[in-house]
Each structure stands twice: as structure tokens, then as C-alpha cells.
Amino acid sequence: MSFMQTCSAHALERHSYRQTTGSDSFDFSWELTVSETNVLEVRGNGEYYENICDDRCHTIEWRYVTDDHDITAFRDDDVIRVEGTFENKPFIKGFKIDDLPWYQPLSYSLRCFIDSPDQKTAFWMIRPDTLDAIKFQARKLSKERIMSQGRSVMAVKVELGLTSLLKGLWHAHYWFREADGIFLQYRGVHGLPGTQETIVRLIE
């Protein structure tokens, strides 16, 4: 039986993570409630994300809230509709996509990919900083041991990249615990060449 099938109704999964870029860091909470729809809430650094997903880890609805933003997005067939306020200004836009899934919280949505025999997958995601819909590709690279919370853990390493003509210019990596798919670590550069690497690690 796969680990995705072992979740009981209304189960609550809680974790804490630390994100570090150079000398700047902050902690954030990650809470997953599993029922007819799976609701993931992420809070930290003045930001709140609510992600509603189906049992295939596909995003149904997404909300993003800060002091300057209050955005809700939902899928309407092959359109992602985004509306609310962005930078304290009204925002409404529809992004025409294809039939690929929408994976907004990759720390959760890639679990189904980890638990599948597939070696790569493509999907759509909305960039919170620009509210653009972008197509990405993830592929499994290897299984390897990494240190997590002071212990050696077997993890599945996944590479994330673009599918456009710029696909060779950027990539990032995720590590998920092989036993249960829990997100352990992320490494990637969020900016122009020379920008310091951003690292996210499970701390609790």
C-alpha cells in the first residue's frame, strides 16, 4: 500500500521549516489536513498560503495573503483564474493552460510523483511574486542519504526546471523522504546569476 493511501480522514500533519538565503533566515509552519479535499496551510515571514488539493495532489484552489496581497486562484477547466488584490491594487486575470496538472505547493504536490513509477512529470504553477503561470518539469535524479534533523535519511532527489527555451538556464532541487514522501530539503537560486542560494530544511 502506498503512503498516500495510508492517510486517515481529517488527519493533521504538522512540520516546521527554516528558509535561509545568505545571512537572512526565517521559520515557517506547514500543516496538512486530509479529508475529502486536502488542505495545506503555510505560515511564516508575514505570508499565508492556503492550498486545496485533490487526492492526486492536484491544486484546486490557492490563496496567498500578505499585508499587500490577498489573492485567490482556482482552476476552471483549462484556465487558472486569479483575482483579488496584488500590491494593494485590484487584480483579475485568467491564464490559459493545457490539461497538465496545477501543482501549487510543491512540498506536497510532488508527493504523488514520488510515489509513482514515473521518472518525470510536467505541471503548471503560479509564481507568487509575479502571479504568472509557468510550466515546469520535475524529474527524479537519484536516491541518496542526506542529513535531516541530525539523522541520516534515505531521500529521493528531484530536479525542477523550466520547459521553455530557457530550460537550461535555471534549476532547483528537492529532497523527499523515501519512506513517506515528507519534504526534507530544497536548494535553488531565486534571482539573477550571482544571487545567493536559497535553502529550505525540515527542522521539526
C-alpha atoms as a PDB file:
ATOM      1  CA  MET A   1       0.000   0.000   0.000  1.00  0.00           C
ATOM      2  CA  SER A   2       1.359   3.419  -0.922  1.00  0.00           C
ATOM      3  CA  PHE A   3       1.932   6.069   1.716  1.00  0.00           C
ATOM      4  CA  MET A   4      -0.685   8.277   0.011  1.00  0.00           C
ATOM      5  CA  GLN A   5      -3.340   5.631   0.760  1.00  0.00           C
ATOM      6  CA  THR A   6      -2.488   5.325   4.450  1.00  0.00           C
ATOM      7  CA  CYS A   7      -3.673   8.848   5.383  1.00  0.00           C
ATOM      8  CA  SER A   8      -6.823   8.673   7.514  1.00  0.00           C
ATOM      9  CA  ALA A   9      -9.666  11.162   7.065  1.00  0.00           C
ATOM     10  CA  HIS A  10      -9.074  14.508   8.765  1.00  0.00           C
ATOM     11  CA  ALA A  11      -5.511  13.536   9.730  1.00  0.00           C
ATOM     12  CA  LEU A  12      -3.359  16.510  10.612  1.00  0.00           C
ATOM     13  CA  GLU A  13       0.324  16.558   9.653  1.00  0.00           C
ATOM     14  CA  ARG A  14       2.488  19.356  11.053  1.00  0.00           C
ATOM     15  CA  HIS A  15       6.076  20.337  10.259  1.00  0.00           C
ATOM     16  CA  SER A  16       8.338  23.348  10.684  1.00  0.00           C
ATOM     17  CA  TYR A  17      10.941  24.502   8.162  1.00  0.00           C
ATOM     18  CA  ARG A  18      13.721  27.078   8.050  1.00  0.00           C
ATOM     19  CA  GLN A  19      14.451  29.065   4.885  1.00  0.00           C
ATOM     20  CA  THR A  20      17.903  30.637   4.552  1.00  0.00           C
ATOM     21  CA  THR A  21      19.361  32.920   1.896  1.00  0.00           C
ATOM     22  CA  GLY A  22      22.810  34.188   2.812  1.00  0.00           C
ATOM     23  CA  SER A  23      22.559  35.679   6.303  1.00  0.00           C
ATOM     24  CA  ASP A  24      18.758  36.032   6.175  1.00  0.00           C
ATOM     25  CA  SER A  25      16.540  33.276   7.511  1.00  0.00           C
ATOM     26  CA  PHE A  26      13.036  32.682   8.821  1.00  0.00           C
ATOM     27  CA  ASP A  27      10.970  29.744  10.018  1.00  0.00           C
ATOM     28  CA  PHE A  28       7.560  28.744   8.694  1.00  0.00           C
ATOM     29  CA  SER A  29       4.884  26.254   9.677  1.00  0.00           C
ATOM     30  CA  TRP A  30       3.387  23.609   7.374  1.00  0.00           C
ATOM     31  CA  GLU A  31       0.041  21.986   8.291  1.00  0.00           C
ATOM     32  CA  LEU A  32      -1.823  19.424   6.171  1.00  0.00           C
ATOM     33  CA  THR A  33      -5.400  18.339   6.880  1.00  0.00           C
ATOM     34  CA  VAL A  34      -6.548  15.287   4.914  1.00  0.00           C
ATOM     35  CA  SER A  35     -10.254  14.741   4.215  1.00  0.00           C
ATOM     36  CA  GLU A  36     -12.380  14.795   1.034  1.00  0.00           C
ATOM     37  CA  THR A  37     -10.036  17.561  -0.109  1.00  0.00           C
ATOM     38  CA  ASN A  38      -6.550  18.030   1.269  1.00  0.00           C
ATOM     39  CA  VAL A  39      -5.854  21.465   2.744  1.00  0.00           C
ATOM     40  CA  LEU A  40      -2.269  22.639   3.236  1.00  0.00           C
ATOM     41  CA  GLU A  41      -1.666  25.854   5.182  1.00  0.00           C
ATOM     42  CA  VAL A  42       1.762  27.506   5.274  1.00  0.00           C
ATOM     43  CA  ARG A  43       2.525  30.476   7.561  1.00  0.00           C
ATOM     44  CA  GLY A  44       5.725  32.450   8.033  1.00  0.00           C
ATOM     45  CA  ASN A  45       7.619  35.673   7.279  1.00  0.00           C
ATOM     46  CA  GLY A  46       4.366  37.629   7.092  1.00  0.00           C
ATOM     47  CA  GLU A  47       2.887  35.339   4.429  1.00  0.00           C
ATOM     48  CA  TYR A  48      -0.049  32.916   4.500  1.00  0.00           C
ATOM     49  CA  TYR A  49      -0.761  30.282   1.851  1.00  0.00           C
ATOM     50  CA  GLU A  50      -3.817  28.040   1.710  1.00  0.00           C
ATOM     51  CA  ASN A  51      -3.706  25.246  -0.837  1.00  0.00           C
ATOM     52  CA  ILE A  52      -6.704  22.992  -1.531  1.00  0.00           C
ATOM     53  CA  CYS A  53      -5.749  19.828  -3.410  1.00  0.00           C
ATOM     54  CA  ASP A  54      -7.455  16.642  -4.563  1.00  0.00           C
ATOM     55  CA  ASP A  55      -6.318  13.094  -3.788  1.00  0.00           C
ATOM     56  CA  ARG A  56      -3.981  13.157  -6.824  1.00  0.00           C
ATOM     57  CA  CYS A  57      -2.124  16.154  -5.318  1.00  0.00           C
ATOM     58  CA  HIS A  58      -3.542  18.472  -7.995  1.00  0.00           C
ATOM     59  CA  THR A  59      -4.301  22.004  -6.842  1.00  0.00           C
ATOM     60  CA  ILE A  60      -7.975  23.019  -6.903  1.00  0.00           C
ATOM     61  CA  GLU A  61      -7.722  26.413  -5.237  1.00  0.00           C
ATOM     62  CA  TRP A  62      -4.939  28.601  -3.840  1.00  0.00           C
ATOM     63  CA  ARG A  63      -4.951  31.650  -1.585  1.00  0.00           C
ATOM     64  CA  TYR A  64      -1.979  33.941  -0.918  1.00  0.00           C
ATOM     65  CA  VAL A  65      -2.158  36.666   1.747  1.00  0.00           C
ATOM     66  CA  THR A  66       0.350  39.287   2.945  1.00  0.00           C
ATOM     67  CA  ASP A  67      -0.001  42.899   4.085  1.00  0.00           C
ATOM     68  CA  ASP A  68      -0.045  43.942   0.406  1.00  0.00           C
ATOM     69  CA  HIS A  69      -1.693  40.933  -1.273  1.00  0.00           C
ATOM     70  CA  ASP A  70      -4.895  38.930  -0.922  1.00  0.00           C
ATOM     71  CA  ILE A  71      -5.091  36.661  -3.942  1.00  0.00           C
ATOM     72  CA  THR A  72      -7.339  33.685  -4.680  1.00  0.00           C
ATOM     73  CA  ALA A  73      -6.800  31.404  -7.672  1.00  0.00           C
ATOM     74  CA  PHE A  74      -8.863  28.458  -8.887  1.00  0.00           C
ATOM     75  CA  ARG A  75      -8.911  26.166 -11.879  1.00  0.00           C
ATOM     76  CA  ASP A  76     -11.775  26.387 -14.387  1.00  0.00           C
ATOM     77  CA  ASP A  77     -11.163  23.566 -16.905  1.00  0.00           C
ATOM     78  CA  ASP A  78      -8.031  24.696 -18.793  1.00  0.00           C
ATOM     79  CA  VAL A  79      -7.944  28.197 -17.286  1.00  0.00           C
ATOM     80  CA  ILE A  80      -6.469  29.279 -13.954  1.00  0.00           C
ATOM     81  CA  ARG A  81      -8.417  32.309 -12.762  1.00  0.00           C
ATOM     82  CA  VAL A  82      -6.616  34.673 -10.377  1.00  0.00           C
ATOM     83  CA  GLU A  83      -8.359  37.518  -8.579  1.00  0.00           C
ATOM     84  CA  GLY A  84      -8.084  39.746  -5.519  1.00  0.00           C
ATOM     85  CA  THR A  85      -5.608  42.473  -4.617  1.00  0.00           C
ATOM     86  CA  PHE A  86      -1.912  42.451  -5.535  1.00  0.00           C
ATOM     87  CA  GLU A  87       0.396  45.181  -4.226  1.00  0.00           C
ATOM     88  CA  ASN A  88      -2.775  46.787  -2.805  1.00  0.00           C
ATOM     89  CA  LYS A  89      -4.321  47.101  -6.284  1.00  0.00           C
ATOM     90  CA  PRO A  90      -7.247  45.146  -7.767  1.00  0.00           C
ATOM     91  CA  PHE A  91      -6.065  42.162  -9.805  1.00  0.00           C
ATOM     92  CA  ILE A  92      -8.015  39.815 -12.049  1.00  0.00           C
ATOM     93  CA  LYS A  93      -6.580  37.600 -14.769  1.00  0.00           C
ATOM     94  CA  GLY A  94      -7.172  34.257 -16.461  1.00  0.00           C
ATOM     95  CA  PHE A  95      -4.275  32.074 -17.610  1.00  0.00           C
ATOM     96  CA  LYS A  96      -4.999  29.681 -20.474  1.00  0.00           C
ATOM     97  CA  ILE A  97      -3.196  26.400 -19.819  1.00  0.00           C
ATOM     98  CA  ASP A  98      -3.391  22.831 -21.150  1.00  0.00           C
ATOM     99  CA  ASP A  99      -4.572  19.624 -19.479  1.00  0.00           C
ATOM    100  CA  LEU A 100      -1.451  19.248 -17.327  1.00  0.00           C
ATOM    101  CA  PRO A 101      -1.980  19.383 -13.545  1.00  0.00           C
ATOM    102  CA  TRP A 102      -1.618  22.528 -11.464  1.00  0.00           C
ATOM    103  CA  TYR A 103       0.856  21.947  -8.619  1.00  0.00           C
ATOM    104  CA  GLN A 104       0.986  25.000  -6.391  1.00  0.00           C
ATOM    105  CA  PRO A 105       2.502  23.672  -3.135  1.00  0.00           C
ATOM    106  CA  LEU A 106       5.390  21.569  -4.473  1.00  0.00           C
ATOM    107  CA  SER A 107       6.288  20.451  -0.937  1.00  0.00           C
ATOM    108  CA  TYR A 108       3.012  18.499  -1.049  1.00  0.00           C
ATOM    109  CA  SER A 109       2.052  18.130  -4.720  1.00  0.00           C
ATOM    110  CA  LEU A 110       5.265  16.327  -5.682  1.00  0.00           C
ATOM    111  CA  ARG A 111       4.471  13.579  -3.142  1.00  0.00           C
ATOM    112  CA  CYS A 112       2.231  11.829  -5.656  1.00  0.00           C
ATOM    113  CA  PHE A 113       5.057  11.979  -8.207  1.00  0.00           C
ATOM    114  CA  ILE A 114       7.495  10.496  -5.672  1.00  0.00           C
ATOM    115  CA  ASP A 115       5.018   7.674  -5.008  1.00  0.00           C
ATOM    116  CA  SER A 116       4.598   6.892  -8.726  1.00  0.00           C
ATOM    117  CA  PRO A 117       6.739   4.877 -11.180  1.00  0.00           C
ATOM    118  CA  ASP A 118       7.113   7.948 -13.414  1.00  0.00           C
ATOM    119  CA  GLN A 119      10.602   9.379 -13.831  1.00  0.00           C
ATOM    120  CA  LYS A 120       9.457  12.848 -14.854  1.00  0.00           C
ATOM    121  CA  THR A 121       6.333  14.981 -14.818  1.00  0.00           C
ATOM    122  CA  ALA A 122       5.252  18.375 -16.152  1.00  0.00           C
ATOM    123  CA  PHE A 123       2.838  20.783 -14.475  1.00  0.00           C
ATOM    124  CA  TRP A 124       1.745  24.406 -14.090  1.00  0.00           C
ATOM    125  CA  MET A 125       2.499  26.669 -11.136  1.00  0.00           C
ATOM    126  CA  ILE A 126       1.802  30.334 -10.312  1.00  0.00           C
ATOM    127  CA  ARG A 127       4.767  32.463  -9.232  1.00  0.00           C
ATOM    128  CA  PRO A 128       3.630  34.327  -6.091  1.00  0.00           C
ATOM    129  CA  ASP A 129       5.936  37.286  -6.753  1.00  0.00           C
ATOM    130  CA  THR A 130       4.632  37.980 -10.281  1.00  0.00           C
ATOM    131  CA  LEU A 131       1.377  35.950 -10.461  1.00  0.00           C
ATOM    132  CA  ASP A 132       2.495  34.468 -13.781  1.00  0.00           C
ATOM    133  CA  ALA A 133       1.501  30.898 -14.670  1.00  0.00           C
ATOM    134  CA  ILE A 134       4.619  28.941 -15.656  1.00  0.00           C
ATOM    135  CA  LYS A 135       5.064  25.383 -16.899  1.00  0.00           C
ATOM    136  CA  PHE A 136       7.713  23.365 -15.052  1.00  0.00           C
ATOM    137  CA  GLN A 137       9.162  19.892 -15.308  1.00  0.00           C
ATOM    138  CA  ALA A 138      10.320  17.699 -12.430  1.00  0.00           C
ATOM    139  CA  ARG A 139      12.443  14.594 -12.802  1.00  0.00           C
ATOM    140  CA  LYS A 140      13.767  12.055 -10.368  1.00  0.00           C
ATOM    141  CA  LEU A 141      17.557  12.056 -10.219  1.00  0.00           C
ATOM    142  CA  SER A 142      18.567   9.540  -7.570  1.00  0.00           C
ATOM    143  CA  LYS A 143      18.067   8.110  -4.118  1.00  0.00           C
ATOM    144  CA  GLU A 144      20.658   9.266  -1.629  1.00  0.00           C
ATOM    145  CA  ARG A 145      21.277   9.682   2.064  1.00  0.00           C
ATOM    146  CA  ILE A 146      21.139  13.200   3.456  1.00  0.00           C
ATOM    147  CA  MET A 147      21.338  14.589   6.976  1.00  0.00           C
ATOM    148  CA  SER A 148      17.959  15.756   8.275  1.00  0.00           C
ATOM    149  CA  GLN A 149      17.365  16.805  11.892  1.00  0.00           C
ATOM    150  CA  GLY A 150      20.696  15.260  12.842  1.00  0.00           C
ATOM    151  CA  ARG A 151      19.931  11.864  11.301  1.00  0.00           C
ATOM    152  CA  SER A 152      20.938  10.146   8.100  1.00  0.00           C
ATOM    153  CA  VAL A 153      17.799   9.669   5.992  1.00  0.00           C
ATOM    154  CA  MET A 154      17.247   7.998   2.617  1.00  0.00           C
ATOM    155  CA  ALA A 155      15.736  10.578   0.267  1.00  0.00           C
ATOM    156  CA  VAL A 156      14.551  10.871  -3.317  1.00  0.00           C
ATOM    157  CA  LYS A 157      16.231  13.795  -5.098  1.00  0.00           C
ATOM    158  CA  VAL A 158      14.111  15.658  -7.651  1.00  0.00           C
ATOM    159  CA  GLU A 159      15.296  18.299 -10.113  1.00  0.00           C
ATOM    160  CA  LEU A 160      12.917  21.117 -11.000  1.00  0.00           C
ATOM    161  CA  GLY A 161      13.368  23.064 -14.217  1.00  0.00           C
ATOM    162  CA  LEU A 162      11.571  25.081 -16.877  1.00  0.00           C
ATOM    163  CA  THR A 163      10.099  23.570 -20.034  1.00  0.00           C
ATOM    164  CA  SER A 164      10.557  26.662 -22.214  1.00  0.00           C
ATOM    165  CA  LEU A 165      13.525  27.628 -24.391  1.00  0.00           C
ATOM    166  CA  LEU A 166      15.166  28.894 -21.175  1.00  0.00           C
ATOM    167  CA  LYS A 167      15.053  25.462 -19.525  1.00  0.00           C
ATOM    168  CA  GLY A 168      18.833  25.159 -19.413  1.00  0.00           C
ATOM    169  CA  LEU A 169      19.295  28.428 -17.519  1.00  0.00           C
ATOM    170  CA  TRP A 170      17.674  27.535 -14.173  1.00  0.00           C
ATOM    171  CA  HIS A 171      17.045  24.515 -11.999  1.00  0.00           C
ATOM    172  CA  ALA A 172      16.482  23.696  -8.352  1.00  0.00           C
ATOM    173  CA  HIS A 173      16.425  20.533  -6.270  1.00  0.00           C
ATOM    174  CA  TYR A 174      14.005  18.998  -3.790  1.00  0.00           C
ATOM    175  CA  TRP A 175      14.578  16.062  -1.453  1.00  0.00           C
ATOM    176  CA  PHE A 176      11.696  13.942  -0.136  1.00  0.00           C
ATOM    177  CA  ARG A 177      11.948  11.179   2.456  1.00  0.00           C
ATOM    178  CA  GLU A 178      11.692   7.870   0.639  1.00  0.00           C
ATOM    179  CA  ALA A 179       9.669   6.164   3.379  1.00  0.00           C
ATOM    180  CA  ASP A 180       6.705   8.555   3.442  1.00  0.00           C
ATOM    181  CA  GLY A 181       7.256  11.374   0.955  1.00  0.00           C
ATOM    182  CA  ILE A 182       7.791  14.094   3.545  1.00  0.00           C
ATOM    183  CA  PHE A 183       9.580  17.138   2.130  1.00  0.00           C
ATOM    184  CA  LEU A 184      13.066  17.373   3.688  1.00  0.00           C
ATOM    185  CA  GLN A 185      15.097  19.964   1.806  1.00  0.00           C
ATOM    186  CA  TYR A 186      15.192  22.433  -1.083  1.00  0.00           C
ATOM    187  CA  ARG A 187      18.110  24.196  -2.791  1.00  0.00           C
ATOM    188  CA  GLY A 188      17.821  26.781  -5.560  1.00  0.00           C
ATOM    189  CA  VAL A 189      18.761  30.300  -6.658  1.00  0.00           C
ATOM    190  CA  HIS A 190      15.922  32.861  -6.714  1.00  0.00           C
ATOM    191  CA  GLY A 191      17.324  35.631  -8.837  1.00  0.00           C
ATOM    192  CA  LEU A 192      19.969  36.656 -11.349  1.00  0.00           C
ATOM    193  CA  PRO A 193      23.343  34.874 -11.626  1.00  0.00           C
ATOM    194  CA  GLY A 194      25.361  35.654  -8.523  1.00  0.00           C
ATOM    195  CA  THR A 195      22.320  35.623  -6.242  1.00  0.00           C
ATOM    196  CA  GLN A 196      22.944  33.570  -3.111  1.00  0.00           C
ATOM    197  CA  GLU A 197      21.380  30.131  -2.935  1.00  0.00           C
ATOM    198  CA  THR A 198      18.136  29.671  -1.004  1.00  0.00           C
ATOM    199  CA  ILE A 199      17.992  26.591   1.236  1.00  0.00           C
ATOM    200  CA  VAL A 200      14.910  25.206   2.973  1.00  0.00           C
ATOM    201  CA  ARG A 201      15.274  22.455   5.573  1.00  0.00           C
ATOM    202  CA  LEU A 202      12.900  20.490   7.779  1.00  0.00           C
ATOM    203  CA  ILE A 203      13.582  21.446  11.430  1.00  0.00           C
ATOM    204  CA  GLU A 204      10.667  19.813  13.265  1.00  0.00           C
END
